[in-house]
Amino acid sequence: MKLLSMIAAFAAFSTFGTSAYAQANLSAETASPGGATFLSPSHMAEIAGTQGIANIQLADGQTLTNSLQN
């Protein structure tokens, strides 16, 4: 029984460890450049790309109505 729980724990940890290396292509929309609503997603996209987490394509200048329609 102890061997089975050790195998299950190893399988769980190896699954969690490999998911951290997944690269995803994402898109995000933000307001006009210069404000806090632009700087936060812009910085997040830069950090995610630098760390190899995700490739975030940022569309700036979007209004809330256009963002909801997309």
N, C-alpha and C. Protein backbone atom coordinates (compact mmCIF):
# COMPACT_ATOMS: atom_id res chain seq x y z
N MET A 1 0.83 -1.19 0.00
CA MET A 1 0.00 0.00 0.00
C MET A 1 0.87 1.26 0.00
N LYS A 2 1.97 1.21 0.74
CA LYS A 2 2.85 2.37 0.81
C LYS A 2 3.50 2.62 -0.56
N LEU A 3 3.84 1.55 -1.27
CA LEU A 3 4.43 1.70 -2.59
C LEU A 3 3.45 2.35 -3.56
N LEU A 4 2.19 1.97 -3.46
CA LEU A 4 1.16 2.55 -4.33
C LEU A 4 1.00 4.05 -4.08
N SER A 5 1.01 4.45 -2.81
CA SER A 5 0.87 5.88 -2.51
C SER A 5 2.11 6.65 -2.94
N MET A 6 3.28 6.04 -2.87
CA MET A 6 4.50 6.71 -3.34
C MET A 6 4.46 6.89 -4.86
N ILE A 7 3.98 5.90 -5.58
CA ILE A 7 3.86 6.00 -7.03
C ILE A 7 2.85 7.08 -7.41
N ALA A 8 1.74 7.13 -6.69
CA ALA A 8 0.73 8.15 -6.95
C ALA A 8 1.27 9.55 -6.67
N ALA A 9 2.03 9.70 -5.60
CA ALA A 9 2.62 11.01 -5.28
C ALA A 9 3.63 11.42 -6.35
N PHE A 10 4.46 10.48 -6.80
CA PHE A 10 5.43 10.78 -7.86
C PHE A 10 4.72 11.19 -9.15
N ALA A 11 3.66 10.49 -9.50
CA ALA A 11 2.91 10.84 -10.71
C ALA A 11 2.29 12.22 -10.60
N ALA A 12 1.77 12.55 -9.43
CA ALA A 12 1.16 13.88 -9.24
C ALA A 12 2.21 14.97 -9.34
N PHE A 13 3.35 14.80 -8.69
CA PHE A 13 4.39 15.82 -8.73
C PHE A 13 4.99 15.98 -10.12
N SER A 14 5.16 14.88 -10.84
CA SER A 14 5.71 15.00 -12.19
C SER A 14 4.71 15.67 -13.13
N THR A 15 3.42 15.46 -12.92
CA THR A 15 2.40 16.13 -13.74
C THR A 15 2.39 17.62 -13.47
N PHE A 16 2.46 18.02 -12.20
CA PHE A 16 2.47 19.44 -11.85
C PHE A 16 3.74 20.11 -12.34
N GLY A 17 4.86 19.42 -12.29
CA GLY A 17 6.13 20.00 -12.71
C GLY A 17 6.20 20.26 -14.20
N THR A 18 5.62 19.41 -15.01
CA THR A 18 5.68 19.61 -16.45
C THR A 18 4.70 20.67 -16.93
N SER A 19 3.62 20.91 -16.20
CA SER A 19 2.66 21.91 -16.64
C SER A 19 3.21 23.32 -16.53
N ALA A 20 4.23 23.52 -15.72
CA ALA A 20 4.82 24.86 -15.57
C ALA A 20 5.61 25.27 -16.80
N TYR A 21 6.00 24.32 -17.64
CA TYR A 21 6.79 24.63 -18.81
C TYR A 21 5.95 24.82 -20.07
N ALA A 22 4.64 24.77 -19.93
CA ALA A 22 3.76 24.91 -21.09
C ALA A 22 3.79 26.34 -21.61
N GLN A 23 3.88 26.48 -22.92
CA GLN A 23 3.86 27.80 -23.55
C GLN A 23 2.50 27.94 -24.22
N ALA A 24 1.84 29.05 -23.97
CA ALA A 24 0.53 29.29 -24.54
C ALA A 24 0.53 30.59 -25.32
N ASN A 25 -0.26 30.64 -26.37
CA ASN A 25 -0.47 31.88 -27.12
C ASN A 25 -1.80 32.46 -26.68
N LEU A 26 -1.76 33.64 -26.08
CA LEU A 26 -2.95 34.28 -25.55
C LEU A 26 -3.11 35.66 -26.18
N SER A 27 -4.32 36.19 -26.12
CA SER A 27 -4.56 37.56 -26.57
C SER A 27 -5.30 38.31 -25.47
N ALA A 28 -5.00 39.60 -25.37
CA ALA A 28 -5.64 40.44 -24.36
C ALA A 28 -5.93 41.80 -24.97
N GLU A 29 -6.94 42.46 -24.44
CA GLU A 29 -7.31 43.80 -24.90
C GLU A 29 -7.19 44.76 -23.74
N THR A 30 -6.74 45.97 -24.04
CA THR A 30 -6.55 46.97 -23.00
C THR A 30 -6.92 48.35 -23.52
N ALA A 31 -6.97 49.31 -22.63
CA ALA A 31 -7.35 50.68 -22.99
C ALA A 31 -6.18 51.39 -23.68
N SER A 32 -6.33 52.67 -23.88
CA SER A 32 -5.31 53.47 -24.56
C SER A 32 -4.00 53.48 -23.77
N PRO A 33 -2.87 53.57 -24.47
CA PRO A 33 -1.57 53.61 -23.79
C PRO A 33 -1.44 54.82 -22.87
N GLY A 34 -0.75 54.63 -21.76
CA GLY A 34 -0.47 55.72 -20.84
C GLY A 34 -1.15 55.59 -19.50
N GLY A 35 -2.24 54.88 -19.42
CA GLY A 35 -2.96 54.75 -18.15
C GLY A 35 -2.63 53.45 -17.44
N ALA A 36 -3.15 53.33 -16.23
CA ALA A 36 -2.91 52.12 -15.43
C ALA A 36 -3.55 50.90 -16.07
N THR A 37 -4.67 51.11 -16.77
CA THR A 37 -5.33 49.97 -17.41
C THR A 37 -4.56 49.47 -18.62
N PHE A 38 -3.58 50.23 -19.08
CA PHE A 38 -2.70 49.77 -20.15
C PHE A 38 -1.41 49.20 -19.57
N LEU A 39 -0.87 49.86 -18.55
CA LEU A 39 0.44 49.47 -18.02
C LEU A 39 0.42 48.10 -17.36
N SER A 40 -0.64 47.76 -16.65
CA SER A 40 -0.71 46.46 -15.98
C SER A 40 -0.67 45.30 -16.98
N PRO A 41 -1.57 45.25 -17.96
CA PRO A 41 -1.50 44.14 -18.93
C PRO A 41 -0.22 44.17 -19.76
N SER A 42 0.29 45.37 -20.05
CA SER A 42 1.52 45.48 -20.83
C SER A 42 2.69 44.87 -20.07
N HIS A 43 2.80 45.19 -18.80
CA HIS A 43 3.88 44.63 -17.98
C HIS A 43 3.71 43.13 -17.81
N MET A 44 2.47 42.68 -17.60
CA MET A 44 2.21 41.25 -17.45
C MET A 44 2.61 40.49 -18.72
N ALA A 45 2.30 41.05 -19.89
CA ALA A 45 2.65 40.41 -21.15
C ALA A 45 4.16 40.34 -21.32
N GLU A 46 4.86 41.39 -20.92
CA GLU A 46 6.32 41.41 -21.04
C GLU A 46 6.97 40.38 -20.13
N ILE A 47 6.51 40.30 -18.89
CA ILE A 47 7.07 39.35 -17.94
C ILE A 47 6.76 37.91 -18.35
N ALA A 48 5.54 37.66 -18.79
CA ALA A 48 5.16 36.30 -19.21
C ALA A 48 5.99 35.85 -20.41
N GLY A 49 6.27 36.77 -21.33
CA GLY A 49 7.10 36.43 -22.48
C GLY A 49 8.55 36.21 -22.11
N THR A 50 9.07 37.04 -21.21
CA THR A 50 10.46 36.91 -20.79
C THR A 50 10.71 35.62 -20.03
N GLN A 51 9.77 35.22 -19.19
CA GLN A 51 9.92 34.01 -18.39
C GLN A 51 9.53 32.74 -19.14
N GLY A 52 9.03 32.87 -20.36
CA GLY A 52 8.65 31.70 -21.14
C GLY A 52 7.34 31.08 -20.72
N ILE A 53 6.50 31.84 -20.05
CA ILE A 53 5.22 31.32 -19.57
C ILE A 53 4.19 31.31 -20.69
N ALA A 54 4.06 32.45 -21.37
CA ALA A 54 3.05 32.57 -22.42
C ALA A 54 3.44 33.68 -23.38
N ASN A 55 2.91 33.61 -24.58
CA ASN A 55 3.07 34.66 -25.56
C ASN A 55 1.74 35.42 -25.60
N ILE A 56 1.70 36.60 -24.99
CA ILE A 56 0.46 37.37 -24.90
C ILE A 56 0.49 38.49 -25.93
N GLN A 57 -0.46 38.47 -26.85
CA GLN A 57 -0.58 39.52 -27.86
C GLN A 57 -1.57 40.54 -27.33
N LEU A 58 -1.10 41.78 -27.16
CA LEU A 58 -1.88 42.83 -26.53
C LEU A 58 -2.44 43.78 -27.57
N ALA A 59 -3.77 43.96 -27.57
CA ALA A 59 -4.44 44.91 -28.47
C ALA A 59 -4.82 46.13 -27.64
N ASP A 60 -4.18 47.28 -27.93
CA ASP A 60 -4.46 48.47 -27.14
C ASP A 60 -5.50 49.35 -27.82
N GLY A 61 -6.06 50.27 -27.04
CA GLY A 61 -7.04 51.21 -27.56
C GLY A 61 -8.44 50.66 -27.68
N GLN A 62 -8.74 49.56 -27.01
CA GLN A 62 -10.06 48.94 -27.10
C GLN A 62 -11.00 49.57 -26.06
N THR A 63 -12.23 49.79 -26.45
CA THR A 63 -13.24 50.24 -25.49
C THR A 63 -13.91 49.03 -24.87
N LEU A 64 -14.61 49.24 -23.78
CA LEU A 64 -15.25 48.13 -23.09
C LEU A 64 -16.29 47.45 -23.97
N THR A 65 -17.02 48.23 -24.76
CA THR A 65 -18.04 47.65 -25.64
C THR A 65 -17.40 46.74 -26.68
N ASN A 66 -16.33 47.18 -27.31
CA ASN A 66 -15.64 46.35 -28.30
C ASN A 66 -15.02 45.12 -27.65
N SER A 67 -14.51 45.28 -26.45
CA SER A 67 -13.90 44.17 -25.75
C SER A 67 -14.92 43.08 -25.44
N LEU A 68 -16.12 43.47 -25.03
CA LEU A 68 -17.16 42.50 -24.73
C LEU A 68 -17.66 41.79 -25.98
N GLN A 69 -17.67 42.47 -27.11
CA GLN A 69 -18.14 41.85 -28.35
C GLN A 69 -17.14 40.82 -28.86
N ASN A 70 -15.88 41.02 -28.59
CA ASN A 70 -14.85 40.08 -29.05
C ASN A 70 -14.81 38.91 -28.11
